[in-house]
Amino acid sequence: MKLRKPDRFLWILLLILITTGFFIFASASLGLVGRSGQASFYYIALKQALILLTGVVGMIALSNVPYKWWRQYAIYIALGALMVTCLVFIDQLNFTAGGARRWINLGPLTFQPAEFLKIAIIIYLAAWMATAKEAIQTWTGGFLPFLGILVIPATILYLQPNNSSIAIIAIAAFAMYWVAGAPWKQIIAFGLLGVLGLGLIISARPYVKERVLTFLDTNRDTQGSSWQINQSLIAVGSGHLTGRGFGQSVQKFNYLPEPMGDSIYAVAAEEFGFVGAVTLVIIFLLLALWGLKIASRINDSFGRLLAVGIVILITSQSFINISAMLGLVPLTGVPLLFVSQGGTALLVALLEAGLLLNLSRYQ
């Protein structure tokens, strides 16, 4: 069979997201410049552009690497990612912010290994599920090993702490497990364990409990824990139908925390209005649906499961961010991929897109 070119519509969607995201980021970055009076807009924009360029080069490179190669080295990729993630607990190497040890500091280079861990676990899960086949449907051959694979990275991430990454891995793993043919009893059991785990995290982490209480009552502490969500809703509402116009957001200057990061969707909604905000949601929705369509047309079980995992990994993070800015879920600190300030999350998202492009060759 002649190898096809990467899916054209998927390419178009990714290019739209990358281009649109950069312009939204460029506008949002003016808020930080206006506050600090020190940061250079050109420096911030150039840094984001360099990360994007590096990521796009990596995306194109990975789109040409046969995806079956990843199955062969899945266990080594997972173990390597786990070991690198554990380096955040070494004081001489880590970079702490907000009480969390999520970053490794290597002088001029700072990165978040949890982002690599996410895709590494997805690759390993796809390889394991493809090998397990019918055993997935049993408790001893499917459910228990599945939980065992997830417990190790979840424990490491919990100790950082990095609760949002645990949730994102769980969501992607759940989708893959379902597609792999797990019976409903196991699906329900996994869902119940997820709810139980969430309850334990809320009870053990006071700041997580505060976020949940703020979600339930946005007027609880308007000058404290509720500040971000209230300012986000003001920004979204201020956009009306067509928005204030590119670069004209008011909230990004003195009100919205992290206008280039967690809150960037609110900035976009204020500047481009309901039309722009909905359009961005539609683009991510199209990416999710088209990616799942590609997955359904791959005959190889490893490729199909890997495609599902990547699609859910990318789009779930993005929808969680959007939902948090609209007050539909508690604030999580998850970035809006391809749009929020670059770094490890943006780079890894582009590499994941490269894997998906390669998978689209085998429909």
Protein backbone atom coordinates (compact mmCIF):
# COMPACT_ATOMS: atom_id res chain seq x y z
CA MET A 1 0.00 0.00 0.00
CA LYS A 2 1.34 3.41 -0.98
CA LEU A 3 1.81 5.66 2.04
CA ARG A 4 -0.52 8.64 1.92
CA LYS A 5 0.34 12.24 2.68
CA PRO A 6 -0.70 13.63 6.09
CA ASP A 7 -4.38 14.51 6.27
CA ARG A 8 -4.88 17.88 4.56
CA PHE A 9 -7.80 19.06 6.70
CA LEU A 10 -5.89 18.22 9.88
CA TRP A 11 -2.98 20.31 8.57
CA ILE A 12 -5.34 23.21 7.91
CA LEU A 13 -6.86 23.04 11.39
CA LEU A 14 -3.44 22.99 13.02
CA LEU A 15 -2.16 25.90 10.94
CA ILE A 16 -5.26 27.94 11.81
CA LEU A 17 -4.77 27.21 15.52
CA ILE A 18 -1.07 28.03 15.45
CA THR A 19 -1.51 31.28 13.51
CA THR A 20 -4.61 32.46 15.38
CA GLY A 21 -3.08 31.50 18.70
CA PHE A 22 0.04 33.57 18.06
CA PHE A 23 -1.94 36.72 17.27
CA ILE A 24 -4.15 36.27 20.33
CA PHE A 25 -1.03 35.76 22.44
CA ALA A 26 0.65 38.84 20.94
CA SER A 27 -2.33 40.97 21.96
CA ALA A 28 -2.56 39.42 25.44
CA SER A 29 1.15 40.00 26.06
CA LEU A 30 0.57 43.75 25.93
CA GLY A 31 -1.13 43.35 29.31
CA LEU A 32 2.07 42.14 30.95
CA VAL A 33 4.12 44.85 29.27
CA GLY A 34 1.69 47.49 30.46
CA ARG A 35 1.88 46.25 34.05
CA SER A 36 5.60 45.75 34.45
CA GLY A 37 6.84 48.66 32.42
CA GLN A 38 9.98 46.61 31.94
CA ALA A 39 9.18 43.62 29.78
CA SER A 40 9.60 44.23 26.07
CA PHE A 41 6.68 43.28 23.84
CA TYR A 42 9.12 42.37 21.08
CA TYR A 43 11.12 40.14 23.41
CA ILE A 44 8.00 38.28 24.59
CA ALA A 45 6.62 37.91 21.06
CA LEU A 46 10.00 36.78 19.71
CA LYS A 47 10.37 34.18 22.45
CA GLN A 48 6.90 32.78 21.66
CA ALA A 49 7.69 32.78 17.95
CA LEU A 50 10.93 30.84 18.53
CA ILE A 51 9.09 28.21 20.59
CA LEU A 52 6.47 27.95 17.87
CA LEU A 53 9.11 27.64 15.16
CA THR A 54 10.96 24.93 17.10
CA GLY A 55 7.71 23.10 17.73
CA VAL A 56 6.59 23.30 14.11
CA VAL A 57 9.95 21.92 12.94
CA GLY A 58 9.54 19.08 15.44
CA MET A 59 5.95 18.56 14.30
CA ILE A 60 7.00 18.21 10.67
CA ALA A 61 9.85 15.88 11.62
CA LEU A 62 7.60 13.59 13.68
CA SER A 63 4.98 13.56 10.94
CA ASN A 64 7.56 11.64 8.89
CA VAL A 65 8.56 9.14 11.60
CA PRO A 66 6.52 5.90 11.25
CA TYR A 67 4.30 5.69 14.31
CA LYS A 68 5.01 1.95 14.84
CA TRP A 69 8.52 2.94 15.94
CA TRP A 70 7.01 4.32 19.15
CA ARG A 71 5.47 0.96 20.03
CA GLN A 72 8.85 -0.74 19.89
CA TYR A 73 10.34 1.67 22.44
CA ALA A 74 7.18 2.46 24.45
CA ILE A 75 8.44 0.98 27.73
CA TYR A 76 11.75 2.86 27.52
CA ILE A 77 9.99 6.12 26.68
CA ALA A 78 7.67 5.72 29.68
CA LEU A 79 10.46 4.79 32.10
CA GLY A 80 12.64 7.65 30.86
CA ALA A 81 9.80 10.15 31.29
CA LEU A 82 9.10 8.86 34.80
CA MET A 83 12.74 9.19 35.83
CA VAL A 84 13.09 12.70 34.40
CA THR A 85 9.87 13.75 36.15
CA CYS A 86 11.28 12.50 39.45
CA LEU A 87 14.20 14.93 39.07
CA VAL A 88 11.89 17.75 40.22
CA PHE A 89 12.34 16.43 43.77
CA ILE A 90 16.08 17.20 43.69
CA ASP A 91 16.55 20.65 45.22
CA GLN A 92 19.59 21.44 43.10
CA LEU A 93 17.65 20.86 39.89
CA ASN A 94 14.11 21.98 40.56
CA PHE A 95 12.43 25.33 40.19
CA THR A 96 9.62 25.98 42.66
CA ALA A 97 6.70 28.32 42.04
CA GLY A 98 3.56 28.67 44.13
CA GLY A 99 4.69 25.86 46.41
CA ALA A 100 4.81 23.37 43.52
CA ARG A 101 7.92 21.55 42.29
CA ARG A 102 6.99 21.06 38.65
CA TRP A 103 9.96 22.51 36.79
CA ILE A 104 13.55 21.44 36.18
CA ASN A 105 16.01 24.32 36.04
CA LEU A 106 19.11 23.80 33.90
CA GLY A 107 20.42 27.34 33.88
CA PRO A 108 19.11 29.02 30.73
CA LEU A 109 16.64 26.15 30.18
CA THR A 110 13.59 25.55 32.37
CA PHE A 111 11.02 22.92 31.45
CA GLN A 112 8.12 20.99 32.93
CA PRO A 113 8.75 17.23 32.58
CA ALA A 114 5.11 16.37 33.35
CA GLU A 115 4.21 17.48 29.83
CA PHE A 116 6.50 14.82 28.36
CA LEU A 117 5.20 12.30 30.91
CA LYS A 118 1.64 12.72 29.61
CA ILE A 119 2.42 11.66 26.07
CA ALA A 120 4.87 8.99 27.25
CA ILE A 121 2.15 7.31 29.33
CA ILE A 122 -0.28 7.53 26.41
CA ILE A 123 2.24 5.83 24.11
CA TYR A 124 2.84 3.06 26.63
CA LEU A 125 -0.87 2.55 27.30
CA ALA A 126 -1.53 2.24 23.56
CA ALA A 127 1.24 -0.36 23.24
CA TRP A 128 0.03 -2.32 26.27
CA MET A 129 -3.64 -2.30 25.23
CA ALA A 130 -2.76 -3.35 21.68
CA THR A 131 -0.82 -6.30 23.11
CA ALA A 132 -3.38 -7.25 25.76
CA LYS A 133 -6.23 -7.51 23.20
CA GLU A 134 -9.11 -9.61 24.63
CA ALA A 135 -7.49 -9.69 28.09
CA ILE A 136 -8.61 -6.06 28.44
CA GLN A 137 -12.11 -7.36 29.11
CA THR A 138 -11.05 -9.21 32.27
CA TRP A 139 -10.44 -7.73 35.71
CA THR A 140 -7.06 -9.41 36.23
CA GLY A 141 -5.74 -9.01 32.69
CA GLY A 142 -7.19 -5.60 31.99
CA PHE A 143 -8.53 -3.50 34.84
CA LEU A 144 -5.89 -4.16 37.50
CA PRO A 145 -2.85 -3.73 35.19
CA PHE A 146 -4.51 -0.60 33.76
CA LEU A 147 -4.81 0.91 37.23
CA GLY A 148 -1.27 -0.18 38.09
CA ILE A 149 0.14 1.65 35.07
CA LEU A 150 -1.69 4.85 36.05
CA VAL A 151 -0.91 4.75 39.78
CA ILE A 152 2.84 5.31 39.33
CA PRO A 153 2.70 8.59 37.34
CA ALA A 154 -0.30 9.76 39.39
CA THR A 155 1.66 9.34 42.62
CA ILE A 156 4.66 11.28 41.26
CA LEU A 157 2.42 14.08 40.00
CA TYR A 158 0.46 14.21 43.27
CA LEU A 159 3.65 14.75 45.25
CA GLN A 160 4.73 17.73 43.09
CA PRO A 161 1.74 18.60 43.31
CA ASN A 162 0.32 18.67 39.78
CA ASN A 163 -3.32 17.66 40.09
CA SER A 164 -4.40 18.94 36.67
CA SER A 165 -1.93 16.65 34.90
CA ILE A 166 -3.31 13.66 36.82
CA ALA A 167 -6.81 14.54 35.63
CA ILE A 168 -5.73 15.00 31.99
CA ILE A 169 -3.87 11.67 31.89
CA ALA A 170 -6.88 9.97 33.48
CA ILE A 171 -9.28 11.45 30.91
CA ALA A 172 -7.13 10.37 27.94
CA ALA A 173 -6.51 6.93 29.48
CA PHE A 174 -10.24 6.50 30.12
CA ALA A 175 -11.03 7.21 26.45
CA MET A 176 -8.37 4.76 25.26
CA TYR A 177 -9.55 2.06 27.67
CA TRP A 178 -13.09 2.45 26.40
CA VAL A 179 -12.02 2.26 22.75
CA ALA A 180 -9.86 -0.79 23.55
CA GLY A 181 -13.04 -2.70 24.44
CA ALA A 182 -13.23 -2.54 28.22
CA PRO A 183 -16.66 -3.74 29.48
CA TRP A 184 -19.11 -1.31 31.05
CA LYS A 185 -18.56 -2.70 34.56
CA GLN A 186 -14.90 -1.75 34.38
CA ILE A 187 -15.68 1.63 32.82
CA ILE A 188 -18.08 2.42 35.68
CA ALA A 189 -15.58 1.15 38.25
CA PHE A 190 -12.87 3.38 36.82
CA GLY A 191 -15.25 6.35 36.87
CA LEU A 192 -16.12 5.72 40.52
CA LEU A 193 -12.45 5.44 41.45
CA GLY A 194 -11.85 8.73 39.64
CA VAL A 195 -14.57 10.45 41.67
CA LEU A 196 -13.14 8.95 44.87
CA GLY A 197 -9.63 10.11 43.96
CA LEU A 198 -10.92 13.61 43.22
CA GLY A 199 -12.64 13.70 46.60
CA LEU A 200 -9.43 12.67 48.36
CA ILE A 201 -7.42 15.36 46.55
CA ILE A 202 -10.00 18.01 47.47
CA SER A 203 -9.93 16.98 51.12
CA ALA A 204 -6.12 16.78 51.23
CA ARG A 205 -5.33 20.00 49.34
CA PRO A 206 -6.84 23.15 50.92
CA TYR A 207 -6.23 25.25 47.80
CA VAL A 208 -8.11 22.71 45.66
CA LYS A 209 -11.01 22.81 48.12
CA GLU A 210 -10.98 26.61 47.93
CA ARG A 211 -11.19 26.46 44.13
CA VAL A 212 -14.18 24.13 44.32
CA LEU A 213 -15.94 26.39 46.84
CA THR A 214 -15.20 29.39 44.62
CA PHE A 215 -16.66 27.52 41.66
CA LEU A 216 -19.84 26.85 43.62
CA ASP A 217 -20.08 30.47 44.81
CA THR A 218 -18.23 33.08 42.75
CA ASN A 219 -19.14 35.76 45.30
CA ARG A 220 -17.41 33.90 48.11
CA ASP A 221 -14.23 36.01 48.14
CA THR A 222 -14.32 38.54 45.32
CA GLN A 223 -11.02 40.15 46.30
CA GLY A 224 -9.25 36.84 46.80
CA SER A 225 -9.98 33.35 45.53
CA SER A 226 -12.90 34.49 43.32
CA TRP A 227 -11.00 37.38 41.74
CA GLN A 228 -9.79 35.54 38.62
CA ILE A 229 -13.10 33.95 37.68
CA ASN A 230 -15.03 37.20 38.25
CA GLN A 231 -12.58 39.21 36.15
CA SER A 232 -12.70 36.53 33.49
CA LEU A 233 -16.49 36.67 33.31
CA ILE A 234 -16.36 40.48 33.13
CA ALA A 235 -13.90 40.23 30.20
CA VAL A 236 -16.04 37.66 28.38
CA GLY A 237 -19.19 39.71 28.90
CA SER A 238 -17.50 42.93 27.80
CA GLY A 239 -16.84 41.44 24.38
CA HIS A 240 -20.56 41.37 23.50
CA LEU A 241 -21.17 40.06 19.98
CA THR A 242 -18.10 41.11 17.99
CA GLY A 243 -15.67 42.30 20.67
CA ARG A 244 -13.75 45.47 21.42
CA GLY A 245 -11.29 44.81 18.62
CA PHE A 246 -7.80 43.34 18.32
CA GLY A 247 -5.53 44.65 21.07
CA GLN A 248 -8.33 46.56 22.77
CA SER A 249 -8.90 44.38 25.85
CA VAL A 250 -9.10 46.38 29.08
CA GLN A 251 -9.07 43.47 31.52
CA LYS A 252 -5.63 42.25 30.46
CA PHE A 253 -3.88 45.36 31.75
CA ASN A 254 -4.74 45.55 35.44
CA TYR A 255 -7.36 42.97 36.27
CA LEU A 256 -6.91 39.51 34.77
CA PRO A 257 -4.21 37.33 36.38
CA GLU A 258 -2.03 35.54 33.81
CA PRO A 259 -3.48 37.22 30.68
CA MET A 260 -0.94 35.35 28.52
CA GLY A 261 -1.49 32.06 30.32
CA ASP A 262 -4.56 30.65 32.03
CA SER A 263 -6.76 33.69 31.28
CA ILE A 264 -5.95 34.13 27.61
CA TYR A 265 -9.33 32.83 26.44
CA ALA A 266 -11.03 35.61 28.40
CA VAL A 267 -8.79 38.15 26.62
CA ALA A 268 -9.74 36.63 23.26
CA ALA A 269 -13.43 36.73 24.14
CA GLU A 270 -13.20 40.39 25.15
CA GLU A 271 -11.42 41.41 21.96
CA PHE A 272 -13.30 39.24 19.47
CA GLY A 273 -16.64 38.90 21.23
CA PHE A 274 -19.09 36.02 21.18
CA VAL A 275 -18.32 35.35 17.52
CA GLY A 276 -14.59 34.98 18.10
CA ALA A 277 -14.97 33.00 21.34
CA VAL A 278 -17.34 30.50 19.72
CA THR A 279 -15.17 30.24 16.62
CA LEU A 280 -12.19 29.21 18.76
CA VAL A 281 -14.32 26.55 20.47
CA ILE A 282 -15.51 25.28 17.07
CA ILE A 283 -11.92 24.95 15.83
CA PHE A 284 -10.96 22.81 18.83
CA LEU A 285 -14.17 20.81 18.44
CA LEU A 286 -13.38 20.18 14.77
CA LEU A 287 -9.87 19.09 15.78
CA ALA A 288 -11.36 16.62 18.27
CA LEU A 289 -13.95 15.20 15.86
CA TRP A 290 -11.60 15.03 12.87
CA GLY A 291 -8.87 13.45 14.98
CA LEU A 292 -11.27 10.78 16.24
CA LYS A 293 -12.42 10.18 12.66
CA ILE A 294 -8.79 9.60 11.66
CA ALA A 295 -8.40 7.20 14.61
CA SER A 296 -11.47 5.22 13.55
CA ARG A 297 -10.00 4.67 10.07
CA ILE A 298 -6.69 3.18 11.28
CA ASN A 299 -6.76 -0.62 11.15
CA ASP A 300 -3.80 -1.17 13.47
CA SER A 301 -4.96 -1.24 17.11
CA PHE A 302 -1.84 0.51 18.43
CA GLY A 303 -2.20 3.33 15.91
CA ARG A 304 -5.90 3.69 16.59
CA LEU A 305 -5.45 3.84 20.37
CA LEU A 306 -2.50 6.22 20.10
CA ALA A 307 -4.52 8.57 17.88
CA VAL A 308 -7.42 8.56 20.36
CA GLY A 309 -5.06 9.27 23.25
CA ILE A 310 -3.34 12.17 21.48
CA VAL A 311 -6.61 13.77 20.36
CA ILE A 312 -8.12 13.59 23.85
CA LEU A 313 -4.85 14.74 25.43
CA ILE A 314 -4.79 17.91 23.32
CA THR A 315 -8.46 18.82 23.23
CA SER A 316 -9.33 17.94 26.84
CA GLN A 317 -6.71 20.40 28.12
CA SER A 318 -8.04 23.10 25.85
CA PHE A 319 -11.69 22.55 26.76
CA ILE A 320 -10.82 22.46 30.48
CA ASN A 321 -9.14 25.86 30.13
CA ILE A 322 -12.09 27.35 28.23
CA SER A 323 -14.61 25.88 30.67
CA ALA A 324 -12.70 27.28 33.64
CA MET A 325 -12.69 30.79 32.14
CA LEU A 326 -16.46 30.54 31.64
CA GLY A 327 -17.08 29.30 35.17
CA LEU A 328 -18.22 25.85 34.03
CA VAL A 329 -15.51 24.00 35.98
CA PRO A 330 -13.19 25.05 38.84
CA LEU A 331 -9.98 26.89 37.93
CA THR A 332 -7.18 24.44 37.17
CA GLY A 333 -4.19 26.36 35.80
CA VAL A 334 -4.31 24.34 32.56
CA PRO A 335 -3.13 26.40 29.53
CA LEU A 336 -5.05 26.84 26.29
CA LEU A 337 -2.86 24.85 23.92
CA PHE A 338 -1.52 26.62 20.82
CA VAL A 339 -2.68 29.95 22.30
CA SER A 340 -1.33 30.41 25.85
CA GLN A 341 2.23 31.49 26.59
CA GLY A 342 4.68 28.98 25.23
CA GLY A 343 7.00 26.66 27.02
CA THR A 344 6.94 22.94 27.52
CA ALA A 345 3.16 22.62 27.06
CA LEU A 346 3.17 24.36 23.68
CA LEU A 347 6.24 22.51 22.43
CA VAL A 348 4.90 19.10 23.46
CA ALA A 349 1.45 19.89 21.97
CA LEU A 350 3.10 20.58 18.61
CA LEU A 351 5.09 17.33 18.83
CA GLU A 352 1.86 15.46 19.63
CA ALA A 353 0.29 17.09 16.58
CA GLY A 354 3.21 15.73 14.54
CA LEU A 355 2.48 12.22 15.79
CA LEU A 356 -1.17 12.64 14.85
CA LEU A 357 -0.21 13.86 11.37
CA ASN A 358 1.90 10.76 10.90
CA LEU A 359 -0.96 8.54 12.07
CA SER A 360 -3.24 10.22 9.52
CA ARG A 361 -1.03 8.77 6.76
CA TYR A 362 -2.24 5.26 7.63
CA GLN A 363 -6.00 5.73 7.30
